[in-house]
Amino acid sequence: MQRKQIGILGVIIVLLVGILVACGAPSGPSIKVREVWSRPAMMVAESEGSSEGGMGMAGTGAVFMTLSNEGKEADRLVGGRTDVAQVVEIHESVMEGDVMKMQMLADGLEIPAQGEVLLNPGGYHVMLIGMKQPLAVGDKFTVDLQFEKSGTITVEPEVREP
C-alpha cells in the first residue's frame, strides 16, 4: 500500500514539475525593450517647398535599443509614431560598395522567439523622418513602437552622443 502511495505521489510531482516548466515562458511573444537612446538631430532647411509652399524645415533622427523576446513565438517591429517627427520607419544600414546606405525594411524587423535584436548605429534602427523639433543631448521624448502581435509599446529615449 505504501508503494502505491509513493508511486502516485511521484506521478503528481512529475506532473507539477511539467506544468511549471511549461508555464515558464509565455506561449506568444513577450517583447522587452531596454537601453533606448537617440542621437542629436538638427532641423535643416528644405529648398523645395513645404506644405505652405515656401521654405520648410525638416531633418532626420534615429532611435536605438535592444529588443528581446522572452516568448515562444516570434514578433515583428513594423513601425511607430512620435510627436517629434512626421514619419517613423524601421531601417537597416547596408554597405553598397564603398557607400553606407539606409533602406527601409518594408516587412519590419523580426524579433525571434527566445531571441534578441540590437538596433545600433550602422545597423538596424528606428528612423525619424521630417523632424518637427531639434533633439539635443539630454532631451527625452516618447516613441510608440508598433509590433505585429504585441501591439504598441511606448518607450522614452534619451538623446546622447553615440
Protein backbone atom coordinates (compact mmCIF):
# COMPACT_ATOMS: atom_id res chain seq x y z
CA MET A 1 0.00 0.00 0.00
CA GLN A 2 2.80 2.42 0.83
CA ARG A 3 4.46 1.70 -2.55
CA LYS A 4 1.25 2.59 -4.33
CA GLN A 5 1.02 5.90 -2.44
CA ILE A 6 4.67 6.69 -3.16
CA GLY A 7 4.10 5.89 -6.84
CA ILE A 8 1.05 8.18 -7.03
CA LEU A 9 2.96 10.92 -5.21
CA GLY A 10 5.82 10.56 -7.70
CA VAL A 11 3.44 10.90 -10.67
CA ILE A 12 1.90 14.00 -9.11
CA ILE A 13 5.33 15.57 -8.58
CA VAL A 14 6.36 14.85 -12.19
CA LEU A 15 3.11 16.39 -13.47
CA LEU A 16 3.56 19.51 -11.31
CA VAL A 17 7.14 19.98 -12.48
CA GLY A 18 5.99 19.60 -16.09
CA ILE A 19 3.28 22.21 -15.62
CA LEU A 20 5.72 24.65 -14.02
CA VAL A 21 8.23 24.21 -16.87
CA ALA A 22 5.51 24.67 -19.49
CA CYS A 23 4.34 27.88 -17.81
CA GLY A 24 7.86 29.31 -17.62
CA ALA A 25 7.77 31.20 -20.94
CA PRO A 26 4.74 32.87 -22.47
CA SER A 27 3.20 30.94 -25.39
CA GLY A 28 3.11 34.06 -27.61
CA PRO A 29 5.75 36.76 -27.99
CA SER A 30 6.90 38.66 -24.89
CA ILE A 31 8.77 41.76 -26.03
CA LYS A 32 11.09 43.64 -23.67
CA VAL A 33 12.76 46.93 -24.68
CA ARG A 34 15.89 48.20 -22.95
CA GLU A 35 18.82 50.58 -23.44
CA VAL A 36 16.73 53.01 -25.53
CA TRP A 37 18.52 56.13 -26.75
CA SER A 38 18.65 58.60 -29.60
CA ARG A 39 21.37 60.76 -31.03
CA PRO A 40 21.15 64.54 -31.53
CA ALA A 41 19.17 65.62 -34.59
CA MET A 42 19.15 69.04 -36.25
CA MET A 43 16.45 70.78 -38.19
CA VAL A 44 17.57 71.65 -41.73
CA ALA A 45 16.02 73.98 -44.29
CA GLU A 46 14.31 72.32 -47.24
CA SER A 47 14.95 74.02 -50.56
CA GLU A 48 11.84 72.57 -52.20
CA GLY A 49 8.67 73.99 -50.58
CA SER A 50 6.87 72.85 -47.51
CA SER A 51 3.15 72.36 -47.10
CA GLU A 52 2.83 76.17 -47.00
CA GLY A 53 4.55 76.40 -50.40
CA GLY A 54 7.64 78.20 -49.04
CA MET A 55 10.89 77.23 -47.38
CA GLY A 56 10.21 74.40 -44.90
CA MET A 57 12.17 72.72 -42.12
CA ALA A 58 12.96 69.03 -41.86
CA GLY A 59 15.65 66.66 -40.71
CA THR A 60 16.15 63.08 -39.64
CA GLY A 61 16.91 61.34 -36.40
CA ALA A 62 17.37 57.78 -35.20
CA VAL A 63 16.46 55.72 -32.14
CA PHE A 64 18.46 52.73 -30.95
CA MET A 65 17.68 49.99 -28.43
CA THR A 66 17.82 46.31 -27.59
CA LEU A 67 14.67 44.27 -28.28
CA SER A 68 14.34 40.88 -26.63
CA ASN A 69 11.57 38.34 -26.97
CA GLU A 70 11.18 36.03 -23.98
CA GLY A 71 8.17 34.30 -25.51
CA LYS A 72 7.81 31.15 -27.59
CA GLU A 73 6.62 32.95 -30.74
CA ALA A 74 8.42 35.46 -32.98
CA ASP A 75 7.11 39.01 -33.35
CA ARG A 76 7.87 41.83 -35.75
CA LEU A 77 8.54 45.54 -35.22
CA VAL A 78 6.55 47.11 -38.06
CA GLY A 79 6.52 50.86 -37.37
CA GLY A 80 5.93 53.56 -34.86
CA ARG A 81 4.79 57.06 -34.05
CA THR A 82 6.24 60.06 -32.24
CA ASP A 83 5.39 63.72 -31.74
CA VAL A 84 8.93 64.83 -32.69
CA ALA A 85 8.85 63.58 -36.32
CA GLN A 86 6.34 63.26 -39.13
CA VAL A 87 7.24 59.67 -40.03
CA VAL A 88 8.70 56.70 -38.13
CA GLU A 89 10.18 53.82 -40.17
CA ILE A 90 12.25 50.74 -39.43
CA HIS A 91 15.58 50.92 -41.31
CA GLU A 92 18.78 49.00 -41.85
CA SER A 93 22.17 50.44 -42.80
CA VAL A 94 23.94 48.44 -45.52
CA MET A 95 27.23 48.83 -47.37
CA GLU A 96 26.92 49.09 -51.15
CA GLY A 97 30.44 49.20 -52.50
CA ASP A 98 32.17 51.96 -50.54
CA VAL A 99 28.95 53.73 -49.59
CA MET A 100 26.83 53.19 -46.48
CA LYS A 101 23.13 53.44 -47.34
CA MET A 102 19.96 53.17 -45.33
CA GLN A 103 17.00 51.17 -46.53
CA MET A 104 13.52 50.84 -45.09
CA LEU A 105 12.52 47.34 -44.00
CA ALA A 106 9.13 47.13 -45.73
CA ASP A 107 8.18 43.99 -43.79
CA GLY A 108 9.53 45.29 -40.49
CA LEU A 109 12.14 43.68 -38.25
CA GLU A 110 11.65 40.19 -36.83
CA ILE A 111 12.40 39.57 -33.17
CA PRO A 112 12.79 35.77 -32.93
CA ALA A 113 11.28 33.72 -30.13
CA GLN A 114 13.73 33.48 -27.21
CA GLY A 115 15.97 35.90 -29.16
CA GLU A 116 17.36 39.40 -29.13
CA VAL A 117 17.92 42.07 -31.78
CA LEU A 118 20.22 45.08 -31.37
CA LEU A 119 19.30 48.37 -33.00
CA ASN A 120 22.50 50.40 -33.13
CA PRO A 121 24.34 52.94 -35.33
CA GLY A 122 25.45 51.28 -38.57
CA GLY A 123 22.79 48.56 -38.31
CA TYR A 124 19.08 48.34 -37.62
CA HIS A 125 17.42 51.50 -36.26
CA VAL A 126 14.14 53.35 -35.90
CA MET A 127 14.34 56.24 -38.38
CA LEU A 128 12.68 59.56 -37.55
CA ILE A 129 11.87 61.48 -40.75
CA GLY A 130 10.68 65.07 -41.03
CA MET A 131 11.80 66.25 -37.61
CA LYS A 132 9.39 68.74 -36.03
CA GLN A 133 11.97 69.90 -33.49
CA PRO A 134 15.70 69.50 -32.92
CA LEU A 135 16.92 66.85 -30.47
CA ALA A 136 19.69 67.99 -28.12
CA VAL A 137 21.78 65.94 -25.70
CA GLY A 138 19.75 65.36 -22.54
CA ASP A 139 16.34 65.70 -24.22
CA LYS A 140 13.76 62.94 -23.71
CA PHE A 141 10.75 62.16 -25.90
CA THR A 142 8.34 59.28 -26.42
CA VAL A 143 8.06 56.84 -29.30
CA ASP A 144 5.20 54.37 -29.71
CA LEU A 145 6.70 51.21 -31.23
CA GLN A 146 4.18 49.12 -33.17
CA PHE A 147 4.60 45.33 -33.10
CA GLU A 148 2.71 42.91 -35.32
CA LYS A 149 1.50 40.71 -32.44
CA SER A 150 2.36 42.58 -29.24
CA GLY A 151 0.69 45.85 -30.22
CA THR A 152 2.08 49.19 -29.08
CA ILE A 153 4.94 49.60 -26.61
CA THR A 154 5.82 53.17 -25.60
CA VAL A 155 9.48 53.95 -24.93
CA GLU A 156 11.28 57.12 -23.82
CA PRO A 157 14.68 57.54 -25.44
CA GLU A 158 17.17 60.00 -24.02
CA VAL A 159 19.26 61.92 -26.51
CA ARG A 160 23.00 61.31 -26.08
CA GLU A 161 26.18 61.30 -28.10
CA PRO A 162 26.96 57.89 -29.65
